[in-house]
Amino acid sequence: MAINIDTKKIRENGTDLVNLSKEMTEILDTMYEKINDLPKAGGSWEGESTDAYIKNANLDKLQYQTFIKDFYAMGKYLIDYADHMDSVIGEVSK
């Protein structure tokens, strides 16, 4: 019975997750920079409602950051797993 493990594909998928998590971090940072700059934008939305929105949005930011961190960790795990399996396969093949 043979078990086939495509470590190249696992590593590629892990790398994709890591790269996507970095992209998501950049997007999130840009989005929250714009949200926090709302009062400085000089638009028609100012006052307590703007402050409340910014406060609530910033409370949600932690959830997004946690999701991105977990996404990154899954990618890193896949990369490490692929490396480990390559090592095991190399030892068994000797």
C-alpha atoms as a PDB file:
ATOM      1  CA  MET A   1       0.000   0.000   0.000  1.00  0.00           C
ATOM      2  CA  ALA A   2       1.485   3.305  -1.066  1.00  0.00           C
ATOM      3  CA  ILE A   3       0.693   6.693   0.344  1.00  0.00           C
ATOM      4  CA  ASN A   4       1.300   9.530  -2.075  1.00  0.00           C
ATOM      5  CA  ILE A   5       1.914  12.965  -0.588  1.00  0.00           C
ATOM      6  CA  ASP A   6       2.369  15.880  -2.946  1.00  0.00           C
ATOM      7  CA  THR A   7       4.586  18.010  -0.725  1.00  0.00           C
ATOM      8  CA  LYS A   8       5.163  20.499  -3.526  1.00  0.00           C
ATOM      9  CA  LYS A   9       1.425  21.213  -3.746  1.00  0.00           C
ATOM     10  CA  ILE A  10       1.083  21.353   0.049  1.00  0.00           C
ATOM     11  CA  ARG A  11       3.967  23.831   0.222  1.00  0.00           C
ATOM     12  CA  GLU A  12       2.477  25.921  -2.621  1.00  0.00           C
ATOM     13  CA  ASN A  13      -0.873  26.091  -0.837  1.00  0.00           C
ATOM     14  CA  GLY A  14       0.809  27.032   2.411  1.00  0.00           C
ATOM     15  CA  THR A  15       2.776  29.762   0.659  1.00  0.00           C
ATOM     16  CA  ASP A  16      -0.443  31.049  -0.919  1.00  0.00           C
ATOM     17  CA  LEU A  17      -2.072  31.290   2.515  1.00  0.00           C
ATOM     18  CA  VAL A  18       0.939  33.130   3.948  1.00  0.00           C
ATOM     19  CA  ASN A  19       0.963  35.575   1.032  1.00  0.00           C
ATOM     20  CA  LEU A  20      -2.793  36.135   1.242  1.00  0.00           C
ATOM     21  CA  SER A  21      -2.525  36.827   4.962  1.00  0.00           C
ATOM     22  CA  LYS A  22       0.105  39.489   4.245  1.00  0.00           C
ATOM     23  CA  GLU A  23      -2.168  41.008   1.588  1.00  0.00           C
ATOM     24  CA  MET A  24      -5.115  40.978   3.976  1.00  0.00           C
ATOM     25  CA  THR A  25      -3.007  42.716   6.621  1.00  0.00           C
ATOM     26  CA  GLU A  26      -2.124  45.496   4.192  1.00  0.00           C
ATOM     27  CA  ILE A  27      -5.765  45.908   3.145  1.00  0.00           C
ATOM     28  CA  LEU A  28      -6.952  45.901   6.756  1.00  0.00           C
ATOM     29  CA  ASP A  29      -4.341  48.483   7.762  1.00  0.00           C
ATOM     30  CA  THR A  30      -5.338  50.751   4.875  1.00  0.00           C
ATOM     31  CA  MET A  31      -9.031  50.364   5.633  1.00  0.00           C
ATOM     32  CA  TYR A  32      -8.618  51.197   9.313  1.00  0.00           C
ATOM     33  CA  GLU A  33      -6.340  54.103   8.527  1.00  0.00           C
ATOM     34  CA  LYS A  34      -9.167  55.552   6.420  1.00  0.00           C
ATOM     35  CA  ILE A  35     -11.775  54.810   9.083  1.00  0.00           C
ATOM     36  CA  ASN A  36      -9.711  56.490  11.792  1.00  0.00           C
ATOM     37  CA  ASP A  37      -9.103  59.502   9.539  1.00  0.00           C
ATOM     38  CA  LEU A  38     -12.819  60.136   8.993  1.00  0.00           C
ATOM     39  CA  PRO A  39     -12.904  63.168  11.313  1.00  0.00           C
ATOM     40  CA  LYS A  40      -9.920  64.671   9.461  1.00  0.00           C
ATOM     41  CA  ALA A  41     -11.500  64.162   6.044  1.00  0.00           C
ATOM     42  CA  GLY A  42     -13.611  67.289   6.389  1.00  0.00           C
ATOM     43  CA  GLY A  43     -16.696  65.535   5.083  1.00  0.00           C
ATOM     44  CA  SER A  44     -20.280  65.989   6.087  1.00  0.00           C
ATOM     45  CA  TRP A  45     -20.203  63.194   8.655  1.00  0.00           C
ATOM     46  CA  GLU A  46     -18.826  64.530  11.916  1.00  0.00           C
ATOM     47  CA  GLY A  47     -19.674  64.407  15.576  1.00  0.00           C
ATOM     48  CA  GLU A  48     -20.724  61.754  18.033  1.00  0.00           C
ATOM     49  CA  SER A  49     -22.031  59.312  15.441  1.00  0.00           C
ATOM     50  CA  THR A  50     -18.682  59.379  13.632  1.00  0.00           C
ATOM     51  CA  ASP A  51     -16.850  58.816  16.903  1.00  0.00           C
ATOM     52  CA  ALA A  52     -19.167  55.919  17.804  1.00  0.00           C
ATOM     53  CA  TYR A  53     -18.679  54.327  14.380  1.00  0.00           C
ATOM     54  CA  ILE A  54     -14.900  54.607  14.636  1.00  0.00           C
ATOM     55  CA  LYS A  55     -14.939  53.140  18.135  1.00  0.00           C
ATOM     56  CA  ASN A  56     -17.109  50.171  17.082  1.00  0.00           C
ATOM     57  CA  ALA A  57     -15.081  49.587  13.923  1.00  0.00           C
ATOM     58  CA  ASN A  58     -11.868  49.510  15.932  1.00  0.00           C
ATOM     59  CA  LEU A  59     -13.388  46.953  18.300  1.00  0.00           C
ATOM     60  CA  ASP A  60     -14.018  44.698  15.288  1.00  0.00           C
ATOM     61  CA  LYS A  61     -10.445  45.092  14.076  1.00  0.00           C
ATOM     62  CA  LEU A  62      -9.138  42.602  16.631  1.00  0.00           C
ATOM     63  CA  GLN A  63     -11.391  39.882  15.194  1.00  0.00           C
ATOM     64  CA  TYR A  64     -10.051  40.508  11.703  1.00  0.00           C
ATOM     65  CA  GLN A  65      -6.475  40.508  12.964  1.00  0.00           C
ATOM     66  CA  THR A  66      -7.061  37.213  14.778  1.00  0.00           C
ATOM     67  CA  PHE A  67      -8.519  35.666  11.624  1.00  0.00           C
ATOM     68  CA  ILE A  68      -5.534  36.823   9.576  1.00  0.00           C
ATOM     69  CA  LYS A  69      -3.101  35.519  12.198  1.00  0.00           C
ATOM     70  CA  ASP A  70      -4.822  32.119  12.131  1.00  0.00           C
ATOM     71  CA  PHE A  71      -4.812  32.150   8.322  1.00  0.00           C
ATOM     72  CA  TYR A  72      -1.057  32.849   8.379  1.00  0.00           C
ATOM     73  CA  ALA A  73      -0.487  30.109  10.975  1.00  0.00           C
ATOM     74  CA  MET A  74      -2.300  27.564   8.803  1.00  0.00           C
ATOM     75  CA  GLY A  75      -0.124  28.485   5.838  1.00  0.00           C
ATOM     76  CA  LYS A  76       3.030  28.245   7.922  1.00  0.00           C
ATOM     77  CA  TYR A  77       1.887  24.879   9.280  1.00  0.00           C
ATOM     78  CA  LEU A  78       1.385  23.521   5.754  1.00  0.00           C
ATOM     79  CA  ILE A  79       4.851  24.696   4.717  1.00  0.00           C
ATOM     80  CA  ASP A  80       6.436  23.142   7.811  1.00  0.00           C
ATOM     81  CA  TYR A  81       4.458  19.925   7.272  1.00  0.00           C
ATOM     82  CA  ALA A  82       5.634  19.679   3.658  1.00  0.00           C
ATOM     83  CA  ASP A  83       9.243  20.223   4.758  1.00  0.00           C
ATOM     84  CA  HIS A  84       8.903  17.587   7.456  1.00  0.00           C
ATOM     85  CA  MET A  85       7.341  15.066   5.072  1.00  0.00           C
ATOM     86  CA  ASP A  86      10.125  15.672   2.536  1.00  0.00           C
ATOM     87  CA  SER A  87      12.597  14.917   5.298  1.00  0.00           C
ATOM     88  CA  VAL A  88      10.771  11.749   6.343  1.00  0.00           C
ATOM     89  CA  ILE A  89      10.435  10.570   2.752  1.00  0.00           C
ATOM     90  CA  GLY A  90      14.134  11.251   2.233  1.00  0.00           C
ATOM     91  CA  GLU A  91      15.044   9.148   5.284  1.00  0.00           C
ATOM     92  CA  VAL A  92      12.768   6.288   4.290  1.00  0.00           C
ATOM     93  CA  SER A  93      14.091   6.313   0.725  1.00  0.00           C
ATOM     94  CA  LYS A  94      17.683   5.699   1.859  1.00  0.00           C
END
